[in-house]
């Protein structure tokens, strides 16, 4: 059973698809993103960081905020 967090913010866009979610991508775009993920993962190997694909990033805790949707992101 899922545990509810007391101070968790439920964003509207985490529960419902955005325009970007409903839009398809070309095979060239997918190939480039996969290649970039491999290059970044290899480049940052052994460092304390994470490489993400299609990460929604929120700048505030406003529940109707539109996320910044990145193809790739490196976080440390």
PDB file of N, CA and C in Angstrom:
ATOM      1  N   UNK A   1       0.845  -1.175   0.000  1.00  0.00           N
ATOM      2  CA  UNK A   1       0.000   0.000   0.000  1.00  0.00           C
ATOM      3  C   UNK A   1       0.897   1.247   0.000  1.00  0.00           C
ATOM      4  N   UNK A   2       0.531   2.250  -0.750  1.00  0.00           N
ATOM      5  CA  UNK A   2       1.309   3.478  -0.847  1.00  0.00           C
ATOM      6  C   UNK A   2       1.205   4.269   0.448  1.00  0.00           C
ATOM      7  N   UNK A   3       2.314   4.896   0.813  1.00  0.00           N
ATOM      8  CA  UNK A   3       2.353   5.714   2.023  1.00  0.00           C
ATOM      9  C   UNK A   3       2.218   7.183   1.631  1.00  0.00           C
ATOM     10  N   UNK A   4       1.279   7.891   2.225  1.00  0.00           N
ATOM     11  CA  UNK A   4       1.111   9.306   1.937  1.00  0.00           C
ATOM     12  C   UNK A   4       2.102  10.109   2.752  1.00  0.00           C
ATOM     13  N   UNK A   5       2.752  11.057   2.087  1.00  0.00           N
ATOM     14  CA  UNK A   5       3.688  11.939   2.771  1.00  0.00           C
ATOM     15  C   UNK A   5       2.944  13.181   3.233  1.00  0.00           C
ATOM     16  N   UNK A   6       3.235  13.607   4.434  1.00  0.00           N
ATOM     17  CA  UNK A   6       2.503  14.721   5.034  1.00  0.00           C
ATOM     18  C   UNK A   6       2.692  16.030   4.278  1.00  0.00           C
ATOM     19  N   UNK A   7       3.906  16.311   3.816  1.00  0.00           N
ATOM     20  CA  UNK A   7       4.197  17.601   3.181  1.00  0.00           C
ATOM     21  C   UNK A   7       4.462  17.463   1.683  1.00  0.00           C
ATOM     22  N   UNK A   8       4.016  16.386   1.088  1.00  0.00           N
ATOM     23  CA  UNK A   8       4.241  16.169  -0.335  1.00  0.00           C
ATOM     24  C   UNK A   8       3.343  17.102  -1.143  1.00  0.00           C
ATOM     25  N   UNK A   9       3.892  17.653  -2.221  1.00  0.00           N
ATOM     26  CA  UNK A   9       3.127  18.504  -3.122  1.00  0.00           C
ATOM     27  C   UNK A   9       2.743  17.667  -4.334  1.00  0.00           C
ATOM     28  N   UNK A  10       1.456  17.578  -4.626  1.00  0.00           N
ATOM     29  CA  UNK A  10       0.979  16.848  -5.799  1.00  0.00           C
ATOM     30  C   UNK A  10       0.773  17.856  -6.921  1.00  0.00           C
ATOM     31  N   UNK A  11       1.652  17.831  -7.904  1.00  0.00           N
ATOM     32  CA  UNK A  11       1.546  18.746  -9.028  1.00  0.00           C
ATOM     33  C   UNK A  11       0.500  18.248 -10.021  1.00  0.00           C
ATOM     34  N   UNK A  12      -0.259  19.162 -10.548  1.00  0.00           N
ATOM     35  CA  UNK A  12      -1.271  18.830 -11.550  1.00  0.00           C
ATOM     36  C   UNK A  12      -0.629  18.081 -12.712  1.00  0.00           C
ATOM     37  N   UNK A  13       0.557  18.548 -13.158  1.00  0.00           N
ATOM     38  CA  UNK A  13       1.187  17.988 -14.344  1.00  0.00           C
ATOM     39  C   UNK A  13       1.847  16.638 -14.084  1.00  0.00           C
ATOM     40  N   UNK A  14       1.973  16.224 -12.822  1.00  0.00           N
ATOM     41  CA  UNK A  14       2.437  14.871 -12.529  1.00  0.00           C
ATOM     42  C   UNK A  14       1.291  13.870 -12.649  1.00  0.00           C
ATOM     43  N   UNK A  15       0.074  14.353 -12.540  1.00  0.00           N
ATOM     44  CA  UNK A  15      -1.085  13.474 -12.565  1.00  0.00           C
ATOM     45  C   UNK A  15      -1.768  13.425 -13.928  1.00  0.00           C
ATOM     46  N   UNK A  16      -1.585  14.436 -14.754  1.00  0.00           N
ATOM     47  CA  UNK A  16      -2.225  14.519 -16.054  1.00  0.00           C
ATOM     48  C   UNK A  16      -1.179  14.813 -17.120  1.00  0.00           C
ATOM     49  N   UNK A  17      -1.355  14.299 -18.339  1.00  0.00           N
ATOM     50  CA  UNK A  17      -0.349  14.513 -19.387  1.00  0.00           C
ATOM     51  C   UNK A  17      -0.259  15.978 -19.825  1.00  0.00           C
ATOM     52  N   UNK A  18       0.944  16.403 -20.169  1.00  0.00           N
ATOM     53  CA  UNK A  18       1.173  17.741 -20.712  1.00  0.00           C
ATOM     54  C   UNK A  18       1.173  17.656 -22.236  1.00  0.00           C
ATOM     55  N   UNK A  19       1.241  18.779 -22.900  1.00  0.00           N
ATOM     56  CA  UNK A  19       1.318  18.794 -24.364  1.00  0.00           C
ATOM     57  C   UNK A  19       2.528  18.002 -24.845  1.00  0.00           C
ATOM     58  N   UNK A  20       3.656  18.139 -24.130  1.00  0.00           N
ATOM     59  CA  UNK A  20       4.869  17.426 -24.511  1.00  0.00           C
ATOM     60  C   UNK A  20       4.701  15.920 -24.370  1.00  0.00           C
ATOM     61  N   UNK A  21       3.949  15.490 -23.359  1.00  0.00           N
ATOM     62  CA  UNK A  21       3.700  14.060 -23.165  1.00  0.00           C
ATOM     63  C   UNK A  21       2.908  13.472 -24.327  1.00  0.00           C
ATOM     64  N   UNK A  22       1.989  14.250 -24.841  1.00  0.00           N
ATOM     65  CA  UNK A  22       1.107  13.769 -25.899  1.00  0.00           C
ATOM     66  C   UNK A  22       1.739  13.902 -27.282  1.00  0.00           C
ATOM     67  N   UNK A  23       2.831  14.654 -27.387  1.00  0.00           N
ATOM     68  CA  UNK A  23       3.485  14.886 -28.658  1.00  0.00           C
ATOM     69  C   UNK A  23       4.540  13.805 -28.895  1.00  0.00           C
ATOM     70  N   UNK A  24       4.569  13.259 -30.069  1.00  0.00           N
ATOM     71  CA  UNK A  24       5.568  12.255 -30.404  1.00  0.00           C
ATOM     72  C   UNK A  24       6.911  12.895 -30.726  1.00  0.00           C
ATOM     73  N   UNK A  25       7.939  12.067 -30.770  1.00  0.00           N
ATOM     74  CA  UNK A  25       9.264  12.544 -31.167  1.00  0.00           C
ATOM     75  C   UNK A  25       9.731  11.726 -32.356  1.00  0.00           C
ATOM     76  N   UNK A  26      10.611  12.311 -33.155  1.00  0.00           N
ATOM     77  CA  UNK A  26      11.123  11.606 -34.320  1.00  0.00           C
ATOM     78  C   UNK A  26      12.157  10.575 -33.895  1.00  0.00           C
ATOM     79  N   UNK A  27      12.416   9.628 -34.764  1.00  0.00           N
ATOM     80  CA  UNK A  27      13.424   8.611 -34.450  1.00  0.00           C
ATOM     81  C   UNK A  27      14.811   9.250 -34.359  1.00  0.00           C
ATOM     82  N   UNK A  28      15.068  10.296 -35.159  1.00  0.00           N
ATOM     83  CA  UNK A  28      16.357  10.999 -35.075  1.00  0.00           C
ATOM     84  C   UNK A  28      16.533  11.641 -33.692  1.00  0.00           C
ATOM     85  N   UNK A  29      15.477  12.243 -33.189  1.00  0.00           N
ATOM     86  CA  UNK A  29      15.530  12.876 -31.869  1.00  0.00           C
ATOM     87  C   UNK A  29      15.787  11.830 -30.784  1.00  0.00           C
ATOM     88  N   UNK A  30      15.059  10.717 -30.843  1.00  0.00           N
ATOM     89  CA  UNK A  30      15.245   9.649 -29.858  1.00  0.00           C
ATOM     90  C   UNK A  30      16.657   9.091 -29.904  1.00  0.00           C
ATOM     91  N   UNK A  31      17.183   8.888 -31.093  1.00  0.00           N
ATOM     92  CA  UNK A  31      18.544   8.369 -31.254  1.00  0.00           C
ATOM     93  C   UNK A  31      19.554   9.339 -30.664  1.00  0.00           C
ATOM     94  N   UNK A  32      19.372  10.631 -30.936  1.00  0.00           N
ATOM     95  CA  UNK A  32      20.295  11.644 -30.409  1.00  0.00           C
ATOM     96  C   UNK A  32      20.242  11.710 -28.891  1.00  0.00           C
ATOM     97  N   UNK A  33      19.060  11.650 -28.313  1.00  0.00           N
ATOM     98  CA  UNK A  33      18.924  11.694 -26.847  1.00  0.00           C
ATOM     99  C   UNK A  33      19.579  10.467 -26.220  1.00  0.00           C
ATOM    100  N   UNK A  34      19.355   9.274 -26.795  1.00  0.00           N
ATOM    101  CA  UNK A  34      19.996   8.061 -26.264  1.00  0.00           C
ATOM    102  C   UNK A  34      21.517   8.165 -26.347  1.00  0.00           C
ATOM    103  N   UNK A  35      22.030   8.670 -27.477  1.00  0.00           N
ATOM    104  CA  UNK A  35      23.470   8.849 -27.638  1.00  0.00           C
ATOM    105  C   UNK A  35      24.012   9.828 -26.599  1.00  0.00           C
ATOM    106  N   UNK A  36      23.326  10.948 -26.420  1.00  0.00           N
ATOM    107  CA  UNK A  36      23.760  11.950 -25.449  1.00  0.00           C
ATOM    108  C   UNK A  36      23.742  11.384 -24.033  1.00  0.00           C
ATOM    109  N   UNK A  37      22.749  10.581 -23.707  1.00  0.00           N
ATOM    110  CA  UNK A  37      22.692   9.943 -22.388  1.00  0.00           C
ATOM    111  C   UNK A  37      23.905   9.035 -22.175  1.00  0.00           C
ATOM    112  N   UNK A  38      24.273   8.270 -23.190  1.00  0.00           N
ATOM    113  CA  UNK A  38      25.442   7.390 -23.093  1.00  0.00           C
ATOM    114  C   UNK A  38      26.727   8.189 -22.920  1.00  0.00           C
ATOM    115  N   UNK A  39      26.868   9.260 -23.693  1.00  0.00           N
ATOM    116  CA  UNK A  39      28.067  10.106 -23.603  1.00  0.00           C
ATOM    117  C   UNK A  39      28.165  10.748 -22.229  1.00  0.00           C
ATOM    118  N   UNK A  40      27.076  11.318 -21.733  1.00  0.00           N
ATOM    119  CA  UNK A  40      27.090  11.974 -20.427  1.00  0.00           C
ATOM    120  C   UNK A  40      27.337  10.976 -19.299  1.00  0.00           C
ATOM    121  N   UNK A  41      26.708   9.804 -19.384  1.00  0.00           N
ATOM    122  CA  UNK A  41      26.924   8.777 -18.364  1.00  0.00           C
ATOM    123  C   UNK A  41      28.380   8.351 -18.338  1.00  0.00           C
ATOM    124  N   UNK A  42      28.979   8.183 -19.489  1.00  0.00           N
ATOM    125  CA  UNK A  42      30.395   7.815 -19.575  1.00  0.00           C
ATOM    126  C   UNK A  42      31.295   8.950 -19.074  1.00  0.00           C
ATOM    127  N   UNK A  43      30.978  10.181 -19.465  1.00  0.00           N
ATOM    128  CA  UNK A  43      31.796  11.339 -19.089  1.00  0.00           C
ATOM    129  C   UNK A  43      31.811  11.548 -17.575  1.00  0.00           C
ATOM    130  N   UNK A  44      30.668  11.370 -16.930  1.00  0.00           N
ATOM    131  CA  UNK A  44      30.565  11.607 -15.492  1.00  0.00           C
ATOM    132  C   UNK A  44      30.753  10.334 -14.662  1.00  0.00           C
ATOM    133  N   UNK A  45      31.229   9.262 -15.270  1.00  0.00           N
ATOM    134  CA  UNK A  45      31.445   8.001 -14.567  1.00  0.00           C
ATOM    135  C   UNK A  45      32.401   8.204 -13.387  1.00  0.00           C
ATOM    136  N   UNK A  46      32.019   7.716 -12.216  1.00  0.00           N
ATOM    137  CA  UNK A  46      32.847   7.838 -11.024  1.00  0.00           C
ATOM    138  C   UNK A  46      32.633   9.124 -10.253  1.00  0.00           C
ATOM    139  N   UNK A  47      31.829  10.037 -10.776  1.00  0.00           N
ATOM    140  CA  UNK A  47      31.548  11.291 -10.075  1.00  0.00           C
ATOM    141  C   UNK A  47      30.195  11.188  -9.376  1.00  0.00           C
ATOM    142  N   UNK A  48      30.016  12.010  -8.373  1.00  0.00           N
ATOM    143  CA  UNK A  48      28.749  12.007  -7.641  1.00  0.00           C
ATOM    144  C   UNK A  48      27.758  12.900  -8.380  1.00  0.00           C
ATOM    145  N   UNK A  49      27.000  12.277  -9.256  1.00  0.00           N
ATOM    146  CA  UNK A  49      25.961  12.990 -10.002  1.00  0.00           C
ATOM    147  C   UNK A  49      25.034  11.957 -10.629  1.00  0.00           C
ATOM    148  N   UNK A  50      23.963  12.437 -11.208  1.00  0.00           N
ATOM    149  CA  UNK A  50      23.008  11.566 -11.889  1.00  0.00           C
ATOM    150  C   UNK A  50      22.652  12.177 -13.233  1.00  0.00           C
ATOM    151  N   UNK A  51      22.463  11.324 -14.214  1.00  0.00           N
ATOM    152  CA  UNK A  51      22.066  11.759 -15.547  1.00  0.00           C
ATOM    153  C   UNK A  51      20.627  11.285 -15.768  1.00  0.00           C
ATOM    154  N   UNK A  52      19.747  12.215 -16.105  1.00  0.00           N
ATOM    155  CA  UNK A  52      18.324  11.912 -16.267  1.00  0.00           C
ATOM    156  C   UNK A  52      17.873  12.195 -17.691  1.00  0.00           C
ATOM    157  N   UNK A  53      16.834  11.478 -18.089  1.00  0.00           N
ATOM    158  CA  UNK A  53      16.194  11.711 -19.376  1.00  0.00           C
ATOM    159  C   UNK A  53      14.737  12.069 -19.125  1.00  0.00           C
ATOM    160  N   UNK A  54      14.244  13.092 -19.844  1.00  0.00           N
ATOM    161  CA  UNK A  54      12.847  13.539 -19.731  1.00  0.00           C
ATOM    162  C   UNK A  54      12.455  13.835 -18.287  1.00  0.00           C
ATOM    163  N   UNK A  55      13.209  14.690 -17.658  1.00  0.00           N
ATOM    164  CA  UNK A  55      12.990  15.049 -16.265  1.00  0.00           C
ATOM    165  C   UNK A  55      12.142  16.317 -16.184  1.00  0.00           C
ATOM    166  N   UNK A  56      11.071  16.277 -15.401  1.00  0.00           N
ATOM    167  CA  UNK A  56      10.276  17.476 -15.140  1.00  0.00           C
ATOM    168  C   UNK A  56      10.903  18.219 -13.970  1.00  0.00           C
ATOM    169  N   UNK A  57      11.204  19.490 -14.171  1.00  0.00           N
ATOM    170  CA  UNK A  57      11.824  20.307 -13.144  1.00  0.00           C
ATOM    171  C   UNK A  57      10.858  21.436 -12.778  1.00  0.00           C
ATOM    172  N   UNK A  58      10.613  21.578 -11.478  1.00  0.00           N
ATOM    173  CA  UNK A  58       9.726  22.638 -10.983  1.00  0.00           C
ATOM    174  C   UNK A  58      10.562  23.676 -10.249  1.00  0.00           C
ATOM    175  N   UNK A  59      10.226  24.956 -10.426  1.00  0.00           N
ATOM    176  CA  UNK A  59      10.957  26.029  -9.783  1.00  0.00           C
ATOM    177  C   UNK A  59      10.302  26.476  -8.485  1.00  0.00           C
ATOM    178  N   UNK A  60       9.025  26.182  -8.313  1.00  0.00           N
ATOM    179  CA  UNK A  60       8.294  26.579  -7.109  1.00  0.00           C
ATOM    180  C   UNK A  60       7.443  25.405  -6.648  1.00  0.00           C
ATOM    181  N   UNK A  61       6.717  25.567  -5.559  1.00  0.00           N
ATOM    182  CA  UNK A  61       5.798  24.521  -5.117  1.00  0.00           C
ATOM    183  C   UNK A  61       4.348  24.841  -5.493  1.00  0.00           C
ATOM    184  N   UNK A  62       4.171  25.763  -6.443  1.00  0.00           N
ATOM    185  CA  UNK A  62       2.829  26.109  -6.918  1.00  0.00           C
ATOM    186  C   UNK A  62       2.262  24.910  -7.679  1.00  0.00           C
ATOM    187  N   UNK A  63       1.127  24.387  -7.254  1.00  0.00           N
ATOM    188  CA  UNK A  63       0.637  23.109  -7.756  1.00  0.00           C
ATOM    189  C   UNK A  63       0.202  23.120  -9.219  1.00  0.00           C
ATOM    190  N   UNK A  64      -0.020  24.284  -9.816  1.00  0.00           N
ATOM    191  CA  UNK A  64      -0.410  24.336 -11.229  1.00  0.00           C
ATOM    192  C   UNK A  64       0.767  24.811 -12.104  1.00  0.00           C
ATOM    193  N   UNK A  65       1.949  24.875 -11.552  1.00  0.00           N
ATOM    194  CA  UNK A  65       3.122  25.312 -12.313  1.00  0.00           C
ATOM    195  C   UNK A  65       3.427  24.340 -13.442  1.00  0.00           C
ATOM    196  N   UNK A  66       3.692  24.873 -14.618  1.00  0.00           N
ATOM    197  CA  UNK A  66       4.108  24.048 -15.758  1.00  0.00           C
ATOM    198  C   UNK A  66       5.577  23.697 -15.568  1.00  0.00           C
ATOM    199  N   UNK A  67       5.940  22.417 -15.647  1.00  0.00           N
ATOM    200  CA  UNK A  67       7.339  22.049 -15.437  1.00  0.00           C
ATOM    201  C   UNK A  67       8.212  22.405 -16.632  1.00  0.00           C
ATOM    202  N   UNK A  68       9.492  22.567 -16.360  1.00  0.00           N
ATOM    203  CA  UNK A  68      10.475  22.658 -17.430  1.00  0.00           C
ATOM    204  C   UNK A  68      10.814  21.216 -17.776  1.00  0.00           C
ATOM    205  N   UNK A  69      10.497  20.806 -18.983  1.00  0.00           N
ATOM    206  CA  UNK A  69      10.719  19.417 -19.393  1.00  0.00           C
ATOM    207  C   UNK A  69      12.008  19.330 -20.208  1.00  0.00           C
ATOM    208  N   UNK A  70      13.010  18.700 -19.632  1.00  0.00           N
ATOM    209  CA  UNK A  70      14.307  18.607 -20.297  1.00  0.00           C
ATOM    210  C   UNK A  70      14.454  17.260 -20.982  1.00  0.00           C
ATOM    211  N   UNK A  71      15.150  17.245 -22.127  1.00  0.00           N
ATOM    212  CA  UNK A  71      15.454  15.973 -22.780  1.00  0.00           C
ATOM    213  C   UNK A  71      16.508  15.229 -21.953  1.00  0.00           C
ATOM    214  N   UNK A  72      17.507  15.958 -21.477  1.00  0.00           N
ATOM    215  CA  UNK A  72      18.543  15.378 -20.616  1.00  0.00           C
ATOM    216  C   UNK A  72      18.887  16.378 -19.531  1.00  0.00           C
ATOM    217  N   UNK A  73      19.329  15.853 -18.393  1.00  0.00           N
ATOM    218  CA  UNK A  73      19.735  16.708 -17.283  1.00  0.00           C
ATOM    219  C   UNK A  73      20.817  15.988 -16.488  1.00  0.00           C
ATOM    220  N   UNK A  74      21.788  16.755 -16.006  1.00  0.00           N
ATOM    221  CA  UNK A  74      22.828  16.236 -15.131  1.00  0.00           C
ATOM    222  C   UNK A  74      22.693  16.959 -13.809  1.00  0.00           C
ATOM    223  N   UNK A  75      22.517  16.194 -12.739  1.00  0.00           N
ATOM    224  CA  UNK A  75      22.359  16.774 -11.399  1.00  0.00           C
ATOM    225  C   UNK A  75      23.468  16.273 -10.490  1.00  0.00           C
ATOM    226  N   UNK A  76      23.977  17.191  -9.661  1.00  0.00           N
ATOM    227  CA  UNK A  76      24.943  16.743  -8.655  1.00  0.00           C
ATOM    228  C   UNK A  76      24.618  17.341  -7.320  1.00  0.00           C
TER     229      UNK A  76
END
